[in-house]
N, C-alpha and C. Protein backbone atom coordinates (compact mmCIF):
# COMPACT_ATOMS: atom_id res chain seq x y z
N MET A 1 34.98 -4.31 17.49
CA MET A 1 34.39 -4.71 16.26
C MET A 1 34.06 -3.58 15.63
N ARG A 2 34.33 -3.40 14.52
CA ARG A 2 34.04 -2.26 13.60
C ARG A 2 32.88 -2.78 12.65
N LEU A 3 31.81 -2.13 12.48
CA LEU A 3 30.99 -2.53 11.60
C LEU A 3 31.00 -2.10 10.09
N THR A 4 30.70 -2.72 9.14
CA THR A 4 30.92 -2.30 7.83
C THR A 4 29.78 -1.33 7.50
N GLY A 5 29.95 -0.60 6.27
CA GLY A 5 28.77 0.27 5.96
C GLY A 5 27.44 -0.37 5.84
N PHE A 6 27.61 -1.45 5.15
CA PHE A 6 26.55 -2.46 4.89
C PHE A 6 25.77 -2.82 6.14
N GLN A 7 26.62 -3.32 7.16
CA GLN A 7 25.98 -4.00 8.56
C GLN A 7 25.43 -2.73 9.03
N GLN A 8 25.96 -1.48 9.05
CA GLN A 8 25.43 -0.37 9.61
C GLN A 8 24.00 0.19 8.85
N PHE A 9 23.95 -0.12 7.53
CA PHE A 9 22.76 0.26 6.71
C PHE A 9 21.65 -0.85 7.32
N CYS A 10 22.03 -1.91 7.19
CA CYS A 10 21.23 -3.08 7.69
C CYS A 10 20.46 -2.72 9.11
N LEU A 11 21.21 -2.42 10.04
CA LEU A 11 20.74 -2.18 11.25
C LEU A 11 19.90 -0.96 11.37
N VAL A 12 20.30 0.23 10.66
CA VAL A 12 19.33 1.37 10.57
C VAL A 12 18.09 1.10 9.75
N ALA A 13 18.17 0.12 8.72
CA ALA A 13 16.90 -0.26 7.87
C ALA A 13 16.07 -0.94 8.83
N LEU A 14 16.56 -2.00 9.64
CA LEU A 14 15.83 -2.81 10.47
C LEU A 14 15.17 -1.82 11.64
N ARG A 15 15.75 -0.95 12.12
CA ARG A 15 15.18 0.03 13.04
C ARG A 15 14.05 0.92 12.53
N THR A 16 14.33 1.24 11.21
CA THR A 16 13.31 2.13 10.32
C THR A 16 12.02 1.34 10.28
N VAL A 17 12.18 0.21 9.64
CA VAL A 17 11.01 -0.65 9.44
C VAL A 17 10.09 -1.07 10.69
N VAL A 18 11.03 -1.40 11.77
CA VAL A 18 10.35 -1.67 12.97
C VAL A 18 9.64 -0.37 13.55
N GLY A 19 10.27 0.70 13.37
CA GLY A 19 9.57 2.04 13.73
C GLY A 19 8.39 2.40 13.01
N TRP A 20 8.38 2.02 11.56
CA TRP A 20 7.40 2.23 10.81
C TRP A 20 6.23 1.39 11.25
N HIS A 21 6.45 0.07 11.80
CA HIS A 21 5.33 -1.01 12.13
C HIS A 21 4.68 -0.17 13.24
N PHE A 22 5.48 0.31 14.26
CA PHE A 22 4.85 0.84 15.46
C PHE A 22 4.02 2.08 15.19
N ALA A 23 4.67 2.92 14.40
CA ALA A 23 4.25 4.25 14.24
C ALA A 23 2.67 3.97 13.46
N TYR A 24 2.66 3.12 12.42
CA TYR A 24 1.62 3.03 11.76
C TYR A 24 0.44 2.35 12.48
N GLU A 25 0.90 1.35 13.40
CA GLU A 25 -0.20 0.84 14.13
C GLU A 25 -0.82 1.96 15.12
N GLY A 26 0.07 2.84 15.76
CA GLY A 26 -0.51 3.81 16.52
C GLY A 26 -1.29 4.95 15.70
N PHE A 27 -0.83 5.25 14.65
CA PHE A 27 -1.40 6.20 13.86
C PHE A 27 -2.89 5.78 13.46
N TYR A 28 -2.91 4.51 13.00
CA TYR A 28 -4.26 3.91 12.55
C TYR A 28 -5.30 3.86 13.66
N LYS A 29 -4.63 3.44 14.74
CA LYS A 29 -5.67 3.36 15.93
C LYS A 29 -6.22 4.81 16.15
N LEU A 30 -5.20 5.68 16.15
CA LEU A 30 -5.62 7.21 16.56
C LEU A 30 -6.52 7.80 15.50
N MET A 31 -6.71 7.34 14.36
CA MET A 31 -7.39 7.89 13.23
C MET A 31 -8.88 7.34 13.36
N LEU A 32 -9.03 6.15 13.88
CA LEU A 32 -10.51 5.76 13.83
C LEU A 32 -11.22 6.31 15.02
N PRO A 33 -12.53 6.65 14.86
CA PRO A 33 -13.24 6.08 13.69
C PRO A 33 -13.05 6.87 12.47
N GLY A 34 -13.08 6.07 11.47
CA GLY A 34 -12.88 6.59 10.07
C GLY A 34 -13.93 6.01 9.27
N TRP A 35 -13.87 6.08 7.93
CA TRP A 35 -14.77 5.55 6.94
C TRP A 35 -14.49 4.38 6.21
N SER A 36 -15.15 3.44 5.95
CA SER A 36 -14.90 2.32 5.20
C SER A 36 -14.92 2.74 3.65
N ARG A 37 -14.46 1.96 2.80
CA ARG A 37 -14.32 2.06 1.19
C ARG A 37 -15.73 2.40 0.79
N SER A 38 -16.95 1.82 1.50
CA SER A 38 -18.19 1.92 0.84
C SER A 38 -19.08 3.04 1.64
N GLY A 39 -18.26 3.78 2.36
CA GLY A 39 -18.75 5.03 3.01
C GLY A 39 -19.34 5.03 4.33
N GLU A 40 -19.39 3.65 4.84
CA GLU A 40 -19.84 3.65 6.33
C GLU A 40 -18.94 3.92 7.47
N LYS A 41 -19.28 4.50 8.46
CA LYS A 41 -18.50 4.95 9.63
C LYS A 41 -18.03 3.62 10.33
N LEU A 42 -16.72 3.79 10.62
CA LEU A 42 -16.06 2.55 11.28
C LEU A 42 -16.04 2.95 12.82
N ALA A 43 -16.10 1.82 13.50
CA ALA A 43 -16.15 2.00 15.01
C ALA A 43 -14.78 2.62 15.50
N ALA A 44 -14.59 3.17 16.52
CA ALA A 44 -13.53 3.65 17.13
C ALA A 44 -12.61 2.63 17.66
N TRP A 45 -11.33 2.52 17.73
CA TRP A 45 -10.62 1.61 18.20
C TRP A 45 -10.51 1.44 19.69
N THR A 46 -10.50 0.34 20.24
CA THR A 46 -10.69 -0.02 21.46
C THR A 46 -9.77 -1.16 21.95
N ALA A 47 -9.05 -1.18 23.03
CA ALA A 47 -8.20 -2.38 23.44
C ALA A 47 -9.11 -3.53 24.09
N ALA A 48 -10.33 -3.25 24.37
CA ALA A 48 -11.17 -3.82 25.24
C ALA A 48 -11.21 -5.42 24.66
N GLY A 49 -11.42 -5.68 23.61
CA GLY A 49 -11.56 -7.05 23.12
C GLY A 49 -10.06 -7.85 23.09
N TYR A 50 -8.98 -7.04 22.97
CA TYR A 50 -7.78 -7.69 23.12
C TYR A 50 -7.48 -8.11 24.50
N LEU A 51 -7.99 -6.96 25.47
CA LEU A 51 -7.69 -7.26 26.90
C LEU A 51 -8.40 -8.49 27.37
N LYS A 52 -9.76 -8.41 26.97
CA LYS A 52 -10.68 -9.64 27.33
C LYS A 52 -10.38 -10.89 26.89
N GLY A 53 -9.64 -10.85 25.74
CA GLY A 53 -9.25 -12.18 25.08
C GLY A 53 -7.80 -12.70 25.53
N ALA A 54 -7.19 -12.03 26.53
CA ALA A 54 -5.88 -12.41 27.01
C ALA A 54 -5.94 -13.91 27.54
N THR A 55 -4.89 -14.62 27.34
CA THR A 55 -5.05 -16.07 27.87
C THR A 55 -3.76 -16.42 28.63
N GLY A 56 -2.74 -15.53 28.49
CA GLY A 56 -1.52 -15.70 29.17
C GLY A 56 -1.44 -15.56 30.55
N PRO A 57 -0.08 -15.51 31.01
CA PRO A 57 0.04 -15.31 32.69
C PRO A 57 -0.35 -14.07 33.18
N LEU A 58 -0.62 -13.09 32.28
CA LEU A 58 -1.12 -11.75 32.67
C LEU A 58 -2.56 -11.52 32.49
N ALA A 59 -3.30 -12.59 32.10
CA ALA A 59 -4.64 -12.64 31.75
C ALA A 59 -5.42 -11.88 32.78
N PRO A 60 -5.30 -12.38 34.20
CA PRO A 60 -6.32 -11.62 35.14
C PRO A 60 -6.11 -10.13 35.15
N LEU A 61 -4.68 -9.82 35.09
CA LEU A 61 -4.54 -8.36 35.07
C LEU A 61 -5.30 -7.65 33.84
N PHE A 62 -5.08 -8.25 32.65
CA PHE A 62 -5.77 -7.47 31.41
C PHE A 62 -7.20 -7.61 31.49
N HIS A 63 -7.79 -8.82 32.12
CA HIS A 63 -9.42 -8.90 32.19
C HIS A 63 -9.77 -7.78 33.14
N GLY A 64 -9.00 -7.62 34.22
CA GLY A 64 -9.47 -6.55 35.22
C GLY A 64 -9.29 -5.24 34.61
N LEU A 65 -8.30 -4.84 33.76
CA LEU A 65 -8.19 -3.48 33.03
C LEU A 65 -9.20 -3.34 32.05
N ALA A 66 -9.74 -4.45 31.35
CA ALA A 66 -10.81 -4.32 30.48
C ALA A 66 -12.31 -4.09 31.31
N GLY A 67 -12.35 -4.54 32.44
CA GLY A 67 -13.58 -4.48 33.33
C GLY A 67 -13.65 -3.19 33.94
N ASN A 68 -12.60 -2.35 33.96
CA ASN A 68 -12.65 -0.98 34.57
C ASN A 68 -12.97 0.16 33.51
N PRO A 69 -13.89 0.71 33.38
CA PRO A 69 -14.25 1.53 32.35
C PRO A 69 -13.09 2.73 32.15
N GLY A 70 -12.81 3.33 33.40
CA GLY A 70 -11.80 4.40 33.33
C GLY A 70 -10.43 4.09 32.88
N LEU A 71 -10.10 2.96 33.42
CA LEU A 71 -8.70 2.49 33.18
C LEU A 71 -8.75 1.97 31.57
N ALA A 72 -9.70 1.23 31.00
CA ALA A 72 -9.95 1.00 29.53
C ALA A 72 -9.79 1.99 28.79
N HIS A 73 -10.67 3.16 29.04
CA HIS A 73 -10.48 4.53 28.33
C HIS A 73 -9.10 5.04 28.39
N ALA A 74 -8.15 4.91 29.40
CA ALA A 74 -6.98 5.44 29.58
C ALA A 74 -6.14 4.65 28.65
N ILE A 75 -6.18 3.26 28.55
CA ILE A 75 -5.45 2.46 27.64
C ILE A 75 -5.73 2.71 26.27
N ASP A 76 -7.16 3.05 26.04
CA ASP A 76 -7.48 3.38 24.55
C ASP A 76 -6.69 4.47 23.96
N ILE A 77 -6.37 5.41 25.07
CA ILE A 77 -5.56 6.68 24.61
C ILE A 77 -4.04 6.24 24.64
N ALA A 78 -3.74 5.95 25.64
CA ALA A 78 -2.20 5.62 25.85
C ALA A 78 -1.48 4.49 24.90
N VAL A 79 -2.25 3.50 24.60
CA VAL A 79 -1.64 2.74 23.61
C VAL A 79 -1.36 3.22 22.27
N PRO A 80 -2.26 3.83 21.63
CA PRO A 80 -1.91 4.31 20.28
C PRO A 80 -0.88 5.50 20.46
N LEU A 81 -1.05 6.23 21.19
CA LEU A 81 -0.06 7.33 21.44
C LEU A 81 1.27 6.83 21.68
N GLY A 82 1.43 5.78 22.58
CA GLY A 82 2.76 5.07 22.84
C GLY A 82 3.23 4.53 21.60
N LEU A 83 2.29 3.83 20.97
CA LEU A 83 2.92 3.14 19.64
C LEU A 83 3.34 4.28 18.68
N LEU A 84 2.73 5.12 18.54
CA LEU A 84 3.05 6.33 17.67
C LEU A 84 4.49 6.95 17.96
N LEU A 85 4.71 7.33 19.25
CA LEU A 85 5.81 7.73 19.85
C LEU A 85 7.15 6.86 19.72
N VAL A 86 6.76 5.40 20.14
CA VAL A 86 7.85 4.70 19.91
C VAL A 86 8.44 4.44 18.40
N GLY A 87 7.38 4.48 17.63
CA GLY A 87 7.62 4.39 16.26
C GLY A 87 8.52 5.54 15.77
N LEU A 88 8.01 6.60 15.94
CA LEU A 88 8.65 8.09 15.54
C LEU A 88 10.06 8.11 16.16
N SER A 89 10.34 7.43 17.19
CA SER A 89 11.70 7.67 18.05
C SER A 89 12.56 6.69 17.10
N LEU A 90 12.11 5.57 16.57
CA LEU A 90 12.92 4.55 16.00
C LEU A 90 13.14 5.02 14.61
N MET A 91 12.17 5.46 13.95
CA MET A 91 12.37 5.83 12.40
C MET A 91 13.19 7.09 12.39
N LEU A 92 13.21 8.10 13.40
CA LEU A 92 14.05 9.14 13.41
C LEU A 92 15.38 9.05 13.94
N GLY A 93 15.40 7.75 14.74
CA GLY A 93 16.78 7.72 15.62
C GLY A 93 16.69 8.91 16.51
N LEU A 94 15.84 9.03 17.29
CA LEU A 94 15.74 10.23 18.28
C LEU A 94 15.40 9.37 19.67
N LEU A 95 16.20 9.61 20.62
CA LEU A 95 16.03 8.92 21.90
C LEU A 95 15.92 7.34 21.70
N THR A 96 16.79 7.06 20.96
CA THR A 96 16.57 5.57 20.41
C THR A 96 16.59 4.54 21.54
N ASP A 97 17.25 4.67 22.46
CA ASP A 97 17.49 3.81 23.49
C ASP A 97 15.90 3.84 24.17
N ILE A 98 15.56 4.98 24.56
CA ILE A 98 14.18 5.05 25.14
C ILE A 98 13.08 4.40 24.27
N GLY A 99 13.01 4.84 22.87
CA GLY A 99 12.19 3.99 21.97
C GLY A 99 12.38 2.51 21.97
N CYS A 100 13.59 2.02 22.07
CA CYS A 100 13.85 0.50 22.04
C CYS A 100 12.99 -0.05 23.41
N VAL A 101 13.40 0.64 24.63
CA VAL A 101 12.69 0.06 25.87
C VAL A 101 11.33 0.18 25.67
N GLY A 102 10.60 1.16 25.12
CA GLY A 102 9.10 1.34 24.86
C GLY A 102 8.75 0.13 24.11
N ALA A 103 9.21 -0.17 22.91
CA ALA A 103 9.02 -1.19 21.93
C ALA A 103 9.06 -2.45 22.60
N MET A 104 10.12 -2.82 23.50
CA MET A 104 10.30 -3.98 24.05
C MET A 104 9.19 -4.17 25.05
N LEU A 105 8.97 -3.21 25.73
CA LEU A 105 7.77 -3.32 26.79
C LEU A 105 6.32 -3.68 26.04
N PHE A 106 6.24 -2.87 25.00
CA PHE A 106 5.07 -3.20 24.27
C PHE A 106 4.97 -4.73 23.77
N LEU A 107 6.07 -5.24 23.10
CA LEU A 107 6.12 -6.53 22.51
C LEU A 107 6.08 -7.54 23.62
N ALA A 108 6.73 -7.23 24.82
CA ALA A 108 6.43 -8.27 25.89
C ALA A 108 5.18 -8.34 26.18
N MET A 109 4.60 -7.21 26.35
CA MET A 109 2.94 -7.37 26.83
C MET A 109 2.14 -8.10 26.03
N PHE A 110 2.35 -7.75 24.60
CA PHE A 110 1.74 -8.52 23.59
C PHE A 110 1.96 -9.87 23.79
N TYR A 111 3.35 -10.33 23.74
CA TYR A 111 3.62 -11.61 23.78
C TYR A 111 3.06 -12.31 25.16
N LEU A 112 3.11 -11.76 26.21
CA LEU A 112 2.57 -12.39 27.56
C LEU A 112 1.00 -12.26 27.43
N SER A 113 0.39 -11.62 26.70
CA SER A 113 -0.96 -11.54 26.69
C SER A 113 -1.62 -12.93 26.04
N GLN A 114 -1.02 -13.49 25.05
CA GLN A 114 -1.45 -14.74 24.30
C GLN A 114 -0.20 -15.44 23.98
N PRO A 115 0.60 -15.85 24.91
CA PRO A 115 1.78 -16.59 24.45
C PRO A 115 1.47 -17.99 23.62
N PRO A 116 2.29 -18.14 22.69
CA PRO A 116 2.07 -19.43 21.67
C PRO A 116 2.47 -20.77 22.52
N PHE A 117 2.02 -21.08 23.67
CA PHE A 117 2.45 -22.16 24.23
C PHE A 117 1.86 -23.73 23.72
N THR A 118 0.80 -23.35 23.07
CA THR A 118 -0.02 -24.63 22.79
C THR A 118 0.46 -25.29 21.39
N GLY A 119 0.90 -24.58 20.45
CA GLY A 119 1.21 -24.95 19.13
C GLY A 119 0.02 -25.02 18.31
N MET A 120 -1.06 -24.56 18.77
CA MET A 120 -2.35 -24.62 17.99
C MET A 120 -2.66 -23.26 17.48
N PRO A 121 -3.48 -23.16 16.33
CA PRO A 121 -3.80 -21.84 15.77
C PRO A 121 -4.55 -21.01 16.77
N GLN A 122 -4.11 -19.66 16.90
CA GLN A 122 -4.81 -18.62 17.80
C GLN A 122 -5.69 -17.74 16.94
N ALA A 123 -6.73 -17.40 17.44
CA ALA A 123 -7.62 -16.34 16.85
C ALA A 123 -6.79 -15.06 16.43
N GLY A 124 -7.09 -14.66 15.30
CA GLY A 124 -6.46 -13.57 14.56
C GLY A 124 -4.88 -13.61 14.37
N ALA A 125 -4.23 -14.67 14.54
CA ALA A 125 -3.04 -15.06 14.12
C ALA A 125 -3.01 -15.49 12.65
N GLU A 126 -1.99 -14.90 11.91
CA GLU A 126 -1.95 -15.47 10.61
C GLU A 126 -1.20 -16.87 10.34
N GLY A 127 -0.62 -17.26 11.37
CA GLY A 127 0.02 -18.63 11.30
C GLY A 127 0.00 -19.45 12.70
N THR A 128 0.55 -20.49 12.72
CA THR A 128 0.62 -21.32 13.84
C THR A 128 1.96 -21.40 14.53
N TYR A 129 2.08 -21.04 15.82
CA TYR A 129 3.39 -20.85 16.39
C TYR A 129 3.31 -21.81 17.66
N LEU A 130 4.64 -22.08 17.98
CA LEU A 130 4.99 -22.80 19.40
C LEU A 130 6.17 -22.03 19.92
N ILE A 131 5.90 -21.47 20.87
CA ILE A 131 6.67 -20.53 21.70
C ILE A 131 7.32 -19.24 20.98
N VAL A 132 7.78 -19.40 19.65
CA VAL A 132 8.23 -18.40 18.97
C VAL A 132 7.15 -17.78 17.94
N ASN A 133 6.92 -16.31 18.35
CA ASN A 133 5.96 -15.92 17.27
C ASN A 133 6.44 -14.39 16.80
N LYS A 134 5.74 -13.76 16.00
CA LYS A 134 6.31 -12.39 15.53
C LYS A 134 6.51 -11.51 16.41
N ASN A 135 5.84 -11.43 17.77
CA ASN A 135 6.09 -10.54 18.76
C ASN A 135 7.47 -10.76 19.48
N LEU A 136 7.76 -12.05 19.56
CA LEU A 136 9.00 -12.48 20.14
C LEU A 136 10.23 -12.16 19.18
N ILE A 137 9.99 -12.48 17.93
CA ILE A 137 11.05 -12.12 17.02
C ILE A 137 11.14 -10.61 16.81
N GLU A 138 10.24 -9.80 16.86
CA GLU A 138 10.40 -8.30 16.83
C GLU A 138 11.08 -7.80 18.11
N LEU A 139 10.64 -8.49 19.22
CA LEU A 139 11.43 -7.92 20.64
C LEU A 139 12.97 -8.19 20.41
N LEU A 140 13.22 -9.27 19.96
CA LEU A 140 14.87 -9.66 19.73
C LEU A 140 15.41 -8.70 18.79
N ALA A 141 14.71 -8.41 17.65
CA ALA A 141 15.19 -7.47 16.69
C ALA A 141 15.44 -6.18 17.28
N VAL A 142 14.39 -5.67 18.27
CA VAL A 142 14.56 -4.32 18.77
C VAL A 142 15.71 -4.45 19.88
N LEU A 143 15.99 -5.50 20.48
CA LEU A 143 16.93 -5.74 21.38
C LEU A 143 18.44 -5.66 20.62
N ALA A 144 18.46 -6.07 19.33
CA ALA A 144 19.77 -5.94 18.61
C ALA A 144 19.79 -4.43 18.20
N ILE A 145 18.73 -3.83 17.79
CA ILE A 145 18.66 -2.41 17.36
C ILE A 145 19.43 -1.52 18.79
N MET A 146 19.00 -1.93 19.82
CA MET A 146 19.36 -1.17 20.94
C MET A 146 20.91 -1.59 21.20
N ALA A 147 21.30 -2.81 21.08
CA ALA A 147 22.74 -3.35 21.54
C ALA A 147 23.67 -2.66 20.52
N PHE A 148 23.28 -2.51 19.34
CA PHE A 148 24.24 -1.98 18.26
C PHE A 148 24.21 -0.41 18.25
N ARG A 149 23.30 0.19 19.17
CA ARG A 149 23.35 1.70 19.34
C ARG A 149 23.18 2.31 18.00
N THR A 150 22.07 2.03 17.41
CA THR A 150 21.76 2.53 16.01
C THR A 150 21.59 3.75 16.01
N GLY A 151 21.17 4.49 17.04
CA GLY A 151 20.93 5.95 16.98
C GLY A 151 22.28 6.75 16.77
N ALA A 152 23.27 6.03 17.24
CA ALA A 152 24.74 6.76 17.08
C ALA A 152 25.22 6.41 15.68
N ILE A 153 24.63 5.48 14.80
CA ILE A 153 25.13 5.33 13.53
C ILE A 153 24.50 6.18 12.49
N ALA A 154 23.11 6.44 12.71
CA ALA A 154 22.29 7.51 11.70
C ALA A 154 21.06 7.79 12.63
N GLY A 155 20.69 9.05 12.41
CA GLY A 155 19.41 9.44 13.11
C GLY A 155 19.76 10.75 13.81
N LEU A 156 18.68 11.31 14.42
CA LEU A 156 18.92 12.46 15.10
C LEU A 156 19.69 12.37 16.44
N ASP A 157 19.76 11.15 17.00
CA ASP A 157 20.60 10.96 18.10
C ASP A 157 22.13 11.12 17.76
N GLN A 158 22.62 10.97 16.45
CA GLN A 158 23.97 11.15 16.16
C GLN A 158 24.13 12.75 16.19
N LEU A 159 23.28 13.63 15.87
CA LEU A 159 23.52 14.98 16.10
C LEU A 159 23.50 15.36 17.54
N ARG A 160 22.60 14.87 18.29
CA ARG A 160 22.54 15.29 19.64
C ARG A 160 23.78 14.69 20.43
N LEU A 161 24.17 13.47 20.17
CA LEU A 161 25.50 12.95 20.73
C LEU A 161 26.64 13.78 20.35
N ALA A 162 26.81 14.24 19.18
CA ALA A 162 27.83 15.10 18.55
C ALA A 162 28.13 16.34 19.30
N ARG A 163 26.91 16.92 19.75
CA ARG A 163 26.89 18.20 20.52
C ARG A 163 27.46 18.17 21.81
N ARG A 164 27.61 16.96 22.50
CA ARG A 164 27.86 16.73 23.83
C ARG A 164 29.37 16.79 23.98
N PRO A 165 29.83 17.49 25.09
CA PRO A 165 31.20 17.64 25.24
C PRO A 165 31.97 16.31 25.53
N ALA A 166 33.11 16.25 25.10
CA ALA A 166 33.81 14.89 25.39
C ALA A 166 33.79 14.56 26.85
N GLN A 167 33.68 13.55 27.48
CA GLN A 167 33.78 13.17 28.75
C GLN A 167 35.30 12.95 29.14
N PRO A 168 35.76 13.28 30.30
CA PRO A 168 37.23 13.11 30.53
C PRO A 168 37.46 11.68 30.89
N VAL A 169 38.46 11.12 30.56
CA VAL A 169 38.95 9.82 30.85
C VAL A 169 39.57 9.58 32.14
N VAL A 170 39.08 8.78 33.02
CA VAL A 170 39.74 8.70 34.33
C VAL A 170 40.40 7.32 34.51
N ALA A 171 41.52 7.37 34.77
CA ALA A 171 42.45 6.18 34.97
C ALA A 171 42.10 5.63 36.22
N ASN A 172 42.08 4.16 36.43
CA ASN A 172 41.78 3.64 37.70
C ASN A 172 43.40 3.44 38.26
N GLY A 173 43.44 3.84 39.41
CA GLY A 173 44.94 3.70 40.11
C GLY A 173 44.86 3.27 41.34
């Protein structure tokens, strides 16, 4: 199946906005502490509240991570950096498959930390969900981005792949 130019544009645009979402989330977390509009210092970002609030099947693991100061500190560094790197990978189309795997791992963890199985409003959610929420939708969007090899359509992967020597074709005999 050959994709039209419009279909390719749509896939690359989807990759770019998902990448922006990840990159900005990571960047924002890395920039805290910052200053409010009124000039008050904001608290540094920490995953502790999120980990403590986990209700899903991985809740015991998340609660244990939150209770260990050393691991909690490592998570406070790794999550924003990971989000930023995944976002840059997707926006630039650089090592896109690795960026997609990273994005899907983050999104799976976010989904499993508080899965929407009750159909009731959840704290911090802007809507009411049953089974399907924005994390699951974005995870499937990233899966499509990876399945359609968008790094080969546009981005730095395209340049990297163009430099590779052609692989010889081996016939099965």
